[in-house]
C-alpha atoms as a PDB file:
ATOM      1  CA  MET A   1     119.373  77.189 119.879  1.00  0.00           C
ATOM      2  CA  ASN A   2     118.546  80.818 119.342  1.00  0.00           C
ATOM      3  CA  ALA A   3     117.077  81.629 115.853  1.00  0.00           C
ATOM      4  CA  LEU A   4     118.963  84.972 115.988  1.00  0.00           C
ATOM      5  CA  GLU A   5     121.415  86.712 118.272  1.00  0.00           C
ATOM      6  CA  MET A   6     122.698  90.264 118.358  1.00  0.00           C
ATOM      7  CA  SER A   7     125.483  91.410 120.665  1.00  0.00           C
ATOM      8  CA  GLY A   8     126.661  94.962 120.943  1.00  0.00           C
ATOM      9  CA  VAL A   9     124.993  95.871 117.608  1.00  0.00           C
ATOM     10  CA  GLY A  10     124.940  99.578 116.626  1.00  0.00           C
ATOM     11  CA  LYS A  11     124.792 101.922 113.680  1.00  0.00           C
ATOM     12  CA  ARG A  12     125.380 105.658 113.342  1.00  0.00           C
ATOM     13  CA  TYR A  13     123.808 108.063 110.896  1.00  0.00           C
ATOM     14  CA  LYS A  14     123.828 111.794 110.960  1.00  0.00           C
ATOM     15  CA  GLY A  15     121.398 112.812 113.697  1.00  0.00           C
ATOM     16  CA  PHE A  16     120.676 109.244 114.723  1.00  0.00           C
ATOM     17  CA  ALA A  17     122.411 106.349 116.509  1.00  0.00           C
ATOM     18  CA  LEU A  18     121.327 102.818 117.160  1.00  0.00           C
ATOM     19  CA  GLU A  19     123.222 101.909 120.348  1.00  0.00           C
ATOM     20  CA  ASN A  20     124.463  98.642 121.852  1.00  0.00           C
ATOM     21  CA  VAL A  21     121.561  96.418 121.029  1.00  0.00           C
ATOM     22  CA  ASN A  22     121.666  92.923 122.686  1.00  0.00           C
ATOM     23  CA  LEU A  23     118.885  90.703 121.488  1.00  0.00           C
ATOM     24  CA  ALA A  24     118.127  87.039 121.117  1.00  0.00           C
ATOM     25  CA  LEU A  25     115.143  85.216 119.664  1.00  0.00           C
ATOM     26  CA  PRO A  26     114.717  81.588 120.896  1.00  0.00           C
ATOM     27  CA  GLU A  27     114.046  78.993 118.247  1.00  0.00           C
ATOM     28  CA  GLY A  28     110.340  78.266 117.821  1.00  0.00           C
ATOM     29  CA  CYS A  29     109.200  81.614 119.160  1.00  0.00           C
ATOM     30  CA  ILE A  30     107.763  85.007 117.816  1.00  0.00           C
ATOM     31  CA  LEU A  31     109.437  88.233 118.830  1.00  0.00           C
ATOM     32  CA  GLY A  32     107.584  91.455 118.274  1.00  0.00           C
ATOM     33  CA  LEU A  33     109.759  94.497 117.634  1.00  0.00           C
ATOM     34  CA  ILE A  34     107.955  97.688 118.659  1.00  0.00           C
ATOM     35  CA  GLY A  35     108.979 101.380 118.524  1.00  0.00           C
ATOM     36  CA  GLU A  36     107.909 104.787 117.370  1.00  0.00           C
ATOM     37  CA  ASN A  37     108.828 106.087 113.860  1.00  0.00           C
ATOM     38  CA  GLY A  38     112.572 106.751 113.848  1.00  0.00           C
ATOM     39  CA  ALA A  39     113.244 104.430 116.806  1.00  0.00           C
ATOM     40  CA  GLY A  40     115.594 102.306 114.711  1.00  0.00           C
ATOM     41  CA  LYS A  41     113.446  99.268 113.866  1.00  0.00           C
ATOM     42  CA  THR A  42     114.163  99.366 110.111  1.00  0.00           C
ATOM     43  CA  THR A  43     117.867 100.006 110.771  1.00  0.00           C
ATOM     44  CA  LEU A  44     117.994  97.006 112.932  1.00  0.00           C
ATOM     45  CA  ILE A  45     116.347  94.821 110.328  1.00  0.00           C
ATOM     46  CA  LYS A  46     118.686  96.060 107.660  1.00  0.00           C
ATOM     47  CA  LEU A  47     121.651  95.076 109.810  1.00  0.00           C
ATOM     48  CA  LEU A  48     120.083  91.750 110.488  1.00  0.00           C
ATOM     49  CA  LEU A  49     119.683  91.177 106.797  1.00  0.00           C
ATOM     50  CA  GLY A  50     123.202  92.302 105.832  1.00  0.00           C
ATOM     51  CA  MET A  51     121.707  95.337 103.984  1.00  0.00           C
ATOM     52  CA  ALA A  52     123.726  97.705 106.145  1.00  0.00           C
ATOM     53  CA  GLN A  53     127.010  97.399 108.067  1.00  0.00           C
ATOM     54  CA  GLY A  54     127.493  98.414 111.630  1.00  0.00           C
ATOM     55  CA  LYS A  55     129.275  97.378 114.821  1.00  0.00           C
ATOM     56  CA  GLY A  56     128.725  94.292 116.871  1.00  0.00           C
ATOM     57  CA  GLU A  57     127.991  90.602 116.214  1.00  0.00           C
ATOM     58  CA  ILE A  58     124.881  89.233 114.396  1.00  0.00           C
ATOM     59  CA  ARG A  59     124.184  85.465 114.124  1.00  0.00           C
ATOM     60  CA  VAL A  60     121.111  84.111 112.265  1.00  0.00           C
ATOM     61  CA  LEU A  61     120.248  80.411 112.528  1.00  0.00           C
ATOM     62  CA  GLY A  62     123.616  79.893 114.175  1.00  0.00           C
ATOM     63  CA  ARG A  63     125.657  81.581 111.415  1.00  0.00           C
ATOM     64  CA  ASP A  64     127.499  84.843 111.278  1.00  0.00           C
ATOM     65  CA  ILE A  65     125.689  87.268 108.912  1.00  0.00           C
ATOM     66  CA  ARG A  66     128.892  88.709 107.575  1.00  0.00           C
ATOM     67  CA  ARG A  67     130.517  85.358 106.567  1.00  0.00           C
ATOM     68  CA  GLU A  68     127.508  83.234 105.650  1.00  0.00           C
ATOM     69  CA  GLY A  69     124.933  85.760 104.348  1.00  0.00           C
ATOM     70  CA  ALA A  70     124.137  83.711 101.190  1.00  0.00           C
ATOM     71  CA  ALA A  71     123.416  80.479 103.095  1.00  0.00           C
ATOM     72  CA  ILE A  72     121.272  82.402 105.628  1.00  0.00           C
ATOM     73  CA  ARG A  73     119.192  84.072 102.873  1.00  0.00           C
ATOM     74  CA  GLN A  74     118.189  80.587 101.585  1.00  0.00           C
ATOM     75  CA  GLU A  75     116.704  79.748 105.055  1.00  0.00           C
ATOM     76  CA  THR A  76     115.129  83.189 105.806  1.00  0.00           C
ATOM     77  CA  GLY A  77     111.833  84.449 104.541  1.00  0.00           C
ATOM     78  CA  VAL A  78     111.736  88.281 104.303  1.00  0.00           C
ATOM     79  CA  VAL A  79     108.798  90.684 103.972  1.00  0.00           C
ATOM     80  CA  LEU A  80     109.626  94.396 104.048  1.00  0.00           C
ATOM     81  CA  ASP A  81     107.131  97.253 104.448  1.00  0.00           C
ATOM     82  CA  GLU A  82     106.930  97.806 100.725  1.00  0.00           C
ATOM     83  CA  ALA A  83     106.526  94.504  98.938  1.00  0.00           C
ATOM     84  CA  CYS A  84     108.670  94.676  95.757  1.00  0.00           C
ATOM     85  CA  PHE A  85     108.359  92.683  92.674  1.00  0.00           C
ATOM     86  CA  PRO A  86     108.902  94.010  89.091  1.00  0.00           C
ATOM     87  CA  GLU A  87     105.603  95.708  88.232  1.00  0.00           C
ATOM     88  CA  GLY A  88     105.013  93.810  84.992  1.00  0.00           C
ATOM     89  CA  LEU A  89     105.302  90.401  86.526  1.00  0.00           C
ATOM     90  CA  ASP A  90     102.252  88.277  87.571  1.00  0.00           C
ATOM     91  CA  ALA A  91     102.267  85.531  90.142  1.00  0.00           C
ATOM     92  CA  LEU A  92     103.099  82.807  87.551  1.00  0.00           C
ATOM     93  CA  GLN A  93     106.221  84.761  86.474  1.00  0.00           C
ATOM     94  CA  VAL A  94     107.203  85.374  90.118  1.00  0.00           C
ATOM     95  CA  ASN A  95     107.070  81.674  90.667  1.00  0.00           C
ATOM     96  CA  ARG A  96     109.469  81.091  87.747  1.00  0.00           C
ATOM     97  CA  VAL A  97     111.897  83.656  88.996  1.00  0.00           C
ATOM     98  CA  LEU A  98     111.922  82.401  92.577  1.00  0.00           C
ATOM     99  CA  ARG A  99     112.138  78.809  91.482  1.00  0.00           C
ATOM    100  CA  ASP A 100     115.630  79.640  90.111  1.00  0.00           C
ATOM    101  CA  THR A 101     116.553  81.737  93.155  1.00  0.00           C
ATOM    102  CA  TYR A 102     115.856  79.375  96.099  1.00  0.00           C
ATOM    103  CA  THR A 103     117.403  76.022  96.423  1.00  0.00           C
ATOM    104  CA  HIS A 104     114.347  74.583  98.205  1.00  0.00           C
ATOM    105  CA  TRP A 105     111.613  76.494  96.392  1.00  0.00           C
ATOM    106  CA  ARG A 106     108.256  74.648  96.655  1.00  0.00           C
ATOM    107  CA  GLU A 107     106.048  75.462  93.750  1.00  0.00           C
ATOM    108  CA  ASP A 108     103.149  73.440  95.156  1.00  0.00           C
ATOM    109  CA  GLU A 109     103.148  75.446  98.367  1.00  0.00           C
ATOM    110  CA  PHE A 110     103.366  78.756  96.611  1.00  0.00           C
ATOM    111  CA  PHE A 111     100.321  77.928  94.458  1.00  0.00           C
ATOM    112  CA  ARG A 112      98.439  76.523  97.455  1.00  0.00           C
ATOM    113  CA  LEU A 113      99.011  79.879  99.289  1.00  0.00           C
ATOM    114  CA  LEU A 114      97.913  81.823  96.175  1.00  0.00           C
ATOM    115  CA  LYS A 115      94.609  79.946  96.315  1.00  0.00           C
ATOM    116  CA  ARG A 116      94.218  80.283 100.089  1.00  0.00           C
ATOM    117  CA  LEU A 117      94.868  84.048  99.807  1.00  0.00           C
ATOM    118  CA  SER A 118      92.628  84.507  96.793  1.00  0.00           C
ATOM    119  CA  LEU A 119      95.415  85.980  94.698  1.00  0.00           C
ATOM    120  CA  PRO A 120      95.198  85.946  90.925  1.00  0.00           C
ATOM    121  CA  GLU A 121      97.843  84.075  88.945  1.00  0.00           C
ATOM    122  CA  ARG A 122      97.864  86.226  85.794  1.00  0.00           C
ATOM    123  CA  LYS A 123      97.180  89.809  87.046  1.00  0.00           C
ATOM    124  CA  PRO A 124     100.320  92.132  86.834  1.00  0.00           C
ATOM    125  CA  PHE A 125     101.807  93.197  90.192  1.00  0.00           C
ATOM    126  CA  LYS A 126     101.290  96.790  89.397  1.00  0.00           C
ATOM    127  CA  GLU A 127      97.556  96.330  89.511  1.00  0.00           C
ATOM    128  CA  PHE A 128      97.627  94.698  92.914  1.00  0.00           C
ATOM    129  CA  SER A 129      96.204  96.532  96.010  1.00  0.00           C
ATOM    130  CA  ARG A 130      98.546  96.958  98.960  1.00  0.00           C
ATOM    131  CA  GLY A 131      96.932  93.995 100.673  1.00  0.00           C
ATOM    132  CA  MET A 132      97.399  91.781  97.600  1.00  0.00           C
ATOM    133  CA  LYS A 133     101.044  92.871  97.319  1.00  0.00           C
ATOM    134  CA  MET A 134     101.758  91.967 101.005  1.00  0.00           C
ATOM    135  CA  LYS A 135      99.986  88.649 100.597  1.00  0.00           C
ATOM    136  CA  LEU A 136     102.085  87.760  97.508  1.00  0.00           C
ATOM    137  CA  ALA A 137     105.272  88.756  99.390  1.00  0.00           C
ATOM    138  CA  ILE A 138     104.241  86.530 102.408  1.00  0.00           C
ATOM    139  CA  ALA A 139     103.310  83.577 100.067  1.00  0.00           C
ATOM    140  CA  ALA A 140     106.824  83.880  98.555  1.00  0.00           C
ATOM    141  CA  ALA A 141     108.490  84.012 101.991  1.00  0.00           C
ATOM    142  CA  LEU A 142     106.674  80.913 103.137  1.00  0.00           C
ATOM    143  CA  SER A 143     107.348  78.817 100.001  1.00  0.00           C
ATOM    144  CA  HIS A 144     111.076  78.064 100.246  1.00  0.00           C
ATOM    145  CA  GLU A 145     111.358  76.077 103.479  1.00  0.00           C
ATOM    146  CA  ALA A 146     112.477  79.092 105.553  1.00  0.00           C
ATOM    147  CA  LYS A 147     113.212  78.519 109.169  1.00  0.00           C
ATOM    148  CA  LEU A 148     113.018  82.269 110.144  1.00  0.00           C
ATOM    149  CA  LEU A 149     110.626  84.931 108.945  1.00  0.00           C
ATOM    150  CA  ILE A 150     111.832  88.559 109.215  1.00  0.00           C
ATOM    151  CA  LEU A 151     108.793  90.832 108.763  1.00  0.00           C
ATOM    152  CA  ASP A 152     108.885  94.680 108.657  1.00  0.00           C
ATOM    153  CA  GLU A 153     105.365  96.131 109.025  1.00  0.00           C
ATOM    154  CA  PRO A 154     103.623  93.260 107.070  1.00  0.00           C
ATOM    155  CA  THR A 155     100.139  94.294 108.228  1.00  0.00           C
ATOM    156  CA  GLY A 156     100.535  98.090 108.187  1.00  0.00           C
ATOM    157  CA  GLY A 157      97.739  99.871 106.237  1.00  0.00           C
ATOM    158  CA  LEU A 158      95.722  96.670 105.841  1.00  0.00           C
ATOM    159  CA  ASP A 159      92.144  96.275 106.744  1.00  0.00           C
ATOM    160  CA  PRO A 160      91.267  94.055 109.767  1.00  0.00           C
ATOM    161  CA  ILE A 161      90.056  91.113 107.696  1.00  0.00           C
ATOM    162  CA  VAL A 162      93.244  90.917 105.655  1.00  0.00           C
ATOM    163  CA  ARG A 163      95.394  91.403 108.751  1.00  0.00           C
ATOM    164  CA  ASP A 164      93.562  88.624 110.471  1.00  0.00           C
ATOM    165  CA  GLU A 165      94.116  86.329 107.467  1.00  0.00           C
ATOM    166  CA  ILE A 166      97.850  87.093 107.430  1.00  0.00           C
ATOM    167  CA  LEU A 167      98.243  86.524 111.149  1.00  0.00           C
ATOM    168  CA  ASP A 168      96.696  83.068 110.709  1.00  0.00           C
ATOM    169  CA  LEU A 169      99.484  82.251 108.241  1.00  0.00           C
ATOM    170  CA  PHE A 170     102.084  83.252 110.846  1.00  0.00           C
ATOM    171  CA  TYR A 171     100.393  81.124 113.540  1.00  0.00           C
ATOM    172  CA  ASP A 172     100.516  78.131 111.052  1.00  0.00           C
ATOM    173  CA  PHE A 173     104.168  78.720 110.291  1.00  0.00           C
ATOM    174  CA  THR A 174     105.136  78.520 113.990  1.00  0.00           C
ATOM    175  CA  ARG A 175     103.340  75.298 114.582  1.00  0.00           C
ATOM    176  CA  ASP A 176     106.648  73.800 113.541  1.00  0.00           C
ATOM    177  CA  ALA A 177     108.956  74.043 116.645  1.00  0.00           C
ATOM    178  CA  GLY A 178     111.919  74.773 114.310  1.00  0.00           C
ATOM    179  CA  HIS A 179     110.261  77.921 112.889  1.00  0.00           C
ATOM    180  CA  SER A 180     110.716  81.404 114.298  1.00  0.00           C
ATOM    181  CA  ILE A 181     109.509  84.899 113.472  1.00  0.00           C
ATOM    182  CA  LEU A 182     110.835  88.497 114.074  1.00  0.00           C
ATOM    183  CA  ILE A 183     107.966  90.919 113.262  1.00  0.00           C
ATOM    184  CA  SER A 184     108.122  94.771 113.535  1.00  0.00           C
ATOM    185  CA  SER A 185     104.720  96.581 113.660  1.00  0.00           C
ATOM    186  CA  HIS A 186     103.087  99.700 114.885  1.00  0.00           C
ATOM    187  CA  ILE A 187      99.857  97.635 115.438  1.00  0.00           C
ATOM    188  CA  VAL A 188     100.524  96.617 118.993  1.00  0.00           C
ATOM    189  CA  THR A 189      97.290  94.691 119.302  1.00  0.00           C
ATOM    190  CA  ASP A 190      98.450  92.387 116.509  1.00  0.00           C
ATOM    191  CA  LEU A 191     101.726  91.775 118.297  1.00  0.00           C
ATOM    192  CA  GLU A 192      99.984  91.157 121.684  1.00  0.00           C
ATOM    193  CA  LYS A 193      97.877  88.355 120.069  1.00  0.00           C
ATOM    194  CA  LEU A 194     100.761  86.912 118.159  1.00  0.00           C
ATOM    195  CA  CYS A 195     104.093  87.236 120.020  1.00  0.00           C
ATOM    196  CA  ASP A 196     105.893  85.226 122.693  1.00  0.00           C
ATOM    197  CA  TYR A 197     108.428  87.957 123.338  1.00  0.00           C
ATOM    198  CA  VAL A 198     108.343  91.726 123.058  1.00  0.00           C
ATOM    199  CA  ALA A 199     111.298  94.054 122.346  1.00  0.00           C
ATOM    200  CA  PHE A 200     110.928  97.793 122.714  1.00  0.00           C
ATOM    201  CA  LEU A 201     113.167 100.194 120.837  1.00  0.00           C
ATOM    202  CA  HIS A 202     113.023 103.839 121.798  1.00  0.00           C
ATOM    203  CA  GLN A 203     115.255 106.611 120.347  1.00  0.00           C
ATOM    204  CA  GLY A 204     117.865 104.077 119.242  1.00  0.00           C
ATOM    205  CA  ARG A 205     117.999 102.171 122.536  1.00  0.00           C
ATOM    206  CA  LEU A 206     116.525  98.793 123.390  1.00  0.00           C
ATOM    207  CA  LEU A 207     114.521  99.577 126.589  1.00  0.00           C
ATOM    208  CA  PHE A 208     113.522  95.945 127.133  1.00  0.00           C
ATOM    209  CA  LEU A 209     113.183  92.510 125.699  1.00  0.00           C
ATOM    210  CA  GLU A 210     110.952  90.265 127.798  1.00  0.00           C
ATOM    211  CA  GLU A 211     108.611  87.357 127.492  1.00  0.00           C
ATOM    212  CA  LYS A 212     105.181  88.848 126.905  1.00  0.00           C
ATOM    213  CA  ASP A 213     103.268  87.016 129.598  1.00  0.00           C
ATOM    214  CA  ALA A 214     105.943  87.642 132.198  1.00  0.00           C
ATOM    215  CA  LEU A 215     106.010  91.344 131.230  1.00  0.00           C
ATOM    216  CA  LEU A 216     102.263  91.685 131.710  1.00  0.00           C
ATOM    217  CA  GLU A 217     102.356  89.844 135.021  1.00  0.00           C
ATOM    218  CA  ARG A 218     105.313  91.957 136.316  1.00  0.00           C
ATOM    219  CA  TYR A 219     103.471  95.231 135.906  1.00  0.00           C
ATOM    220  CA  GLY A 220     100.206  96.820 137.033  1.00  0.00           C
ATOM    221  CA  VAL A 221      98.491 100.038 136.201  1.00  0.00           C
ATOM    222  CA  VAL A 222      97.552 102.140 139.222  1.00  0.00           C
ATOM    223  CA  ARG A 223      95.242 105.101 139.032  1.00  0.00           C
ATOM    224  CA  CYS A 224      95.728 107.508 141.884  1.00  0.00           C
ATOM    225  CA  SER A 225      96.637 111.087 142.758  1.00  0.00           C
ATOM    226  CA  LYS A 226     100.192 112.302 142.109  1.00  0.00           C
ATOM    227  CA  ALA A 227     100.918 112.560 145.803  1.00  0.00           C
ATOM    228  CA  GLU A 228      99.926 108.957 146.425  1.00  0.00           C
ATOM    229  CA  CYS A 229     102.134 107.943 143.569  1.00  0.00           C
ATOM    230  CA  ALA A 230     104.990 109.872 144.955  1.00  0.00           C
ATOM    231  CA  ALA A 231     104.698 108.004 148.217  1.00  0.00           C
ATOM    232  CA  PHE A 232     105.504 104.572 146.693  1.00  0.00           C
ATOM    233  CA  ALA A 233     108.823 103.065 147.400  1.00  0.00           C
ATOM    234  CA  PRO A 234     111.675 103.942 145.029  1.00  0.00           C
ATOM    235  CA  GLY A 235     111.698 101.816 141.937  1.00  0.00           C
ATOM    236  CA  THR A 236     107.931 101.084 142.111  1.00  0.00           C
ATOM    237  CA  VAL A 237     106.908 103.459 139.329  1.00  0.00           C
ATOM    238  CA  ARG A 238     108.220 102.602 135.882  1.00  0.00           C
ATOM    239  CA  GLY A 239     106.358 105.235 133.905  1.00  0.00           C
ATOM    240  CA  MET A 240     103.496 107.748 134.486  1.00  0.00           C
ATOM    241  CA  ARG A 241     101.104 110.020 132.691  1.00  0.00           C
ATOM    242  CA  GLU A 242      99.075 112.790 134.274  1.00  0.00           C
ATOM    243  CA  GLY A 243      95.443 113.490 133.520  1.00  0.00           C
ATOM    244  CA  ALA A 244      92.801 115.899 134.797  1.00  0.00           C
ATOM    245  CA  TYR A 245      91.796 113.677 137.667  1.00  0.00           C
ATOM    246  CA  GLY A 246      95.151 112.216 138.757  1.00  0.00           C
ATOM    247  CA  VAL A 247      97.845 109.975 137.281  1.00  0.00           C
ATOM    248  CA  GLU A 248      98.017 106.593 135.588  1.00  0.00           C
ATOM    249  CA  ALA A 249     101.241 104.891 136.679  1.00  0.00           C
ATOM    250  CA  LEU A 250     102.918 101.693 135.462  1.00  0.00           C
ATOM    251  CA  CYS A 251     104.107  99.974 138.520  1.00  0.00           C
ATOM    252  CA  GLU A 252     106.081  96.975 139.656  1.00  0.00           C
ATOM    253  CA  ARG A 253     103.508  94.779 141.214  1.00  0.00           C
ATOM    254  CA  ALA A 254     105.773  93.218 143.707  1.00  0.00           C
ATOM    255  CA  LEU A 255     106.785  96.695 145.144  1.00  0.00           C
ATOM    256  CA  LEU A 256     103.249  98.087 145.531  1.00  0.00           C
ATOM    257  CA  PRO A 257     102.036  98.508 149.110  1.00  0.00           C
ATOM    258  CA  ARG A 258      99.459  95.885 150.142  1.00  0.00           C
ATOM    259  CA  GLY A 259      95.903  96.931 149.383  1.00  0.00           C
ATOM    260  CA  VAL A 260      96.718  99.228 146.428  1.00  0.00           C
ATOM    261  CA  ALA A 261      94.506  98.310 143.557  1.00  0.00           C
ATOM    262  CA  CYS A 262      96.084  97.847 140.093  1.00  0.00           C
ATOM    263  CA  THR A 263      94.852  96.499 136.776  1.00  0.00           C
ATOM    264  CA  ARG A 264      96.630  94.283 134.237  1.00  0.00           C
ATOM    265  CA  PRO A 265      98.240  96.378 131.557  1.00  0.00           C
ATOM    266  CA  SER A 266      98.165  95.803 127.825  1.00  0.00           C
ATOM    267  CA  VAL A 267     101.385  95.707 125.922  1.00  0.00           C
ATOM    268  CA  GLU A 268     100.475  99.145 124.629  1.00  0.00           C
ATOM    269  CA  ASP A 269     100.151 100.464 128.171  1.00  0.00           C
ATOM    270  CA  VAL A 270     103.596  99.170 129.049  1.00  0.00           C
ATOM    271  CA  ILE A 271     105.135 100.619 125.848  1.00  0.00           C
ATOM    272  CA  VAL A 272     103.410 104.111 126.170  1.00  0.00           C
ATOM    273  CA  LEU A 273     104.159 104.541 129.866  1.00  0.00           C
ATOM    274  CA  THR A 274     107.717 103.234 129.645  1.00  0.00           C
ATOM    275  CA  ALA A 275     108.468 105.658 126.798  1.00  0.00           C
ATOM    276  CA  LYS A 276     107.189 108.580 128.812  1.00  0.00           C
ATOM    277  CA  GLU A 277     109.954 107.963 131.355  1.00  0.00           C
ATOM    278  CA  GLY A 278     112.619 106.531 128.990  1.00  0.00           C
ATOM    279  CA  LEU A 279     113.372 103.970 131.734  1.00  0.00           C
ATOM    280  CA  LYS A 280     114.775 100.481 131.396  1.00  0.00           C
END
């Protein structure tokens, strides 16, 4: 079963359109959603959460988001870019509120995570640092037996030690084969370490959704002259940037002439070079 499915999903605003997104996240996997500011990542997540209405069909954990949103929310852990709890509440009070919100709230797990993340129980939320706020939001998302985590920039603006600590929690979550994660982030290196699949949104279009390892095996980065690059067979070059001493081209390995040297790309290489051409 897929943890989530989007078919023909779109949304229009003045000056921006998210167009015909078709996306699936297999159960038990982590999907990294990547794109520049304004690419449509947050719009896509709002549609997925039922916070905005658009065209197309969205199914989460096998259910239609429009008809069964309340049931879906019970089984979905959500962390948005700005973790929001009432400023005067402390972690003990957050526990009491969420205990009455979620059917399967696990108080023992929430307090275990507070201890693991070194979060104070009685300090008001308004006095938390950004890292502490995100850790509290993640602890809450992981404490009601969620099957799917939807995370919008959960590690943005955090120092490397805190980011690593949070990524460990996500690894632990997906040790259960029935757990899945959709994570949006600008920090491509985090996603490369964490994700099974990568989806790239660019200017409102989904340029690709591929298994990460297959993506990195499919492409190679070739450094050569512009003339050498132009001589490759049609369809070989998927993106290119020019420098003072030649070009750096993202190429289909299978189409490269024998003997042409190429290096394995990073996910960031694939994203940047693909965006330069706007190709699928």
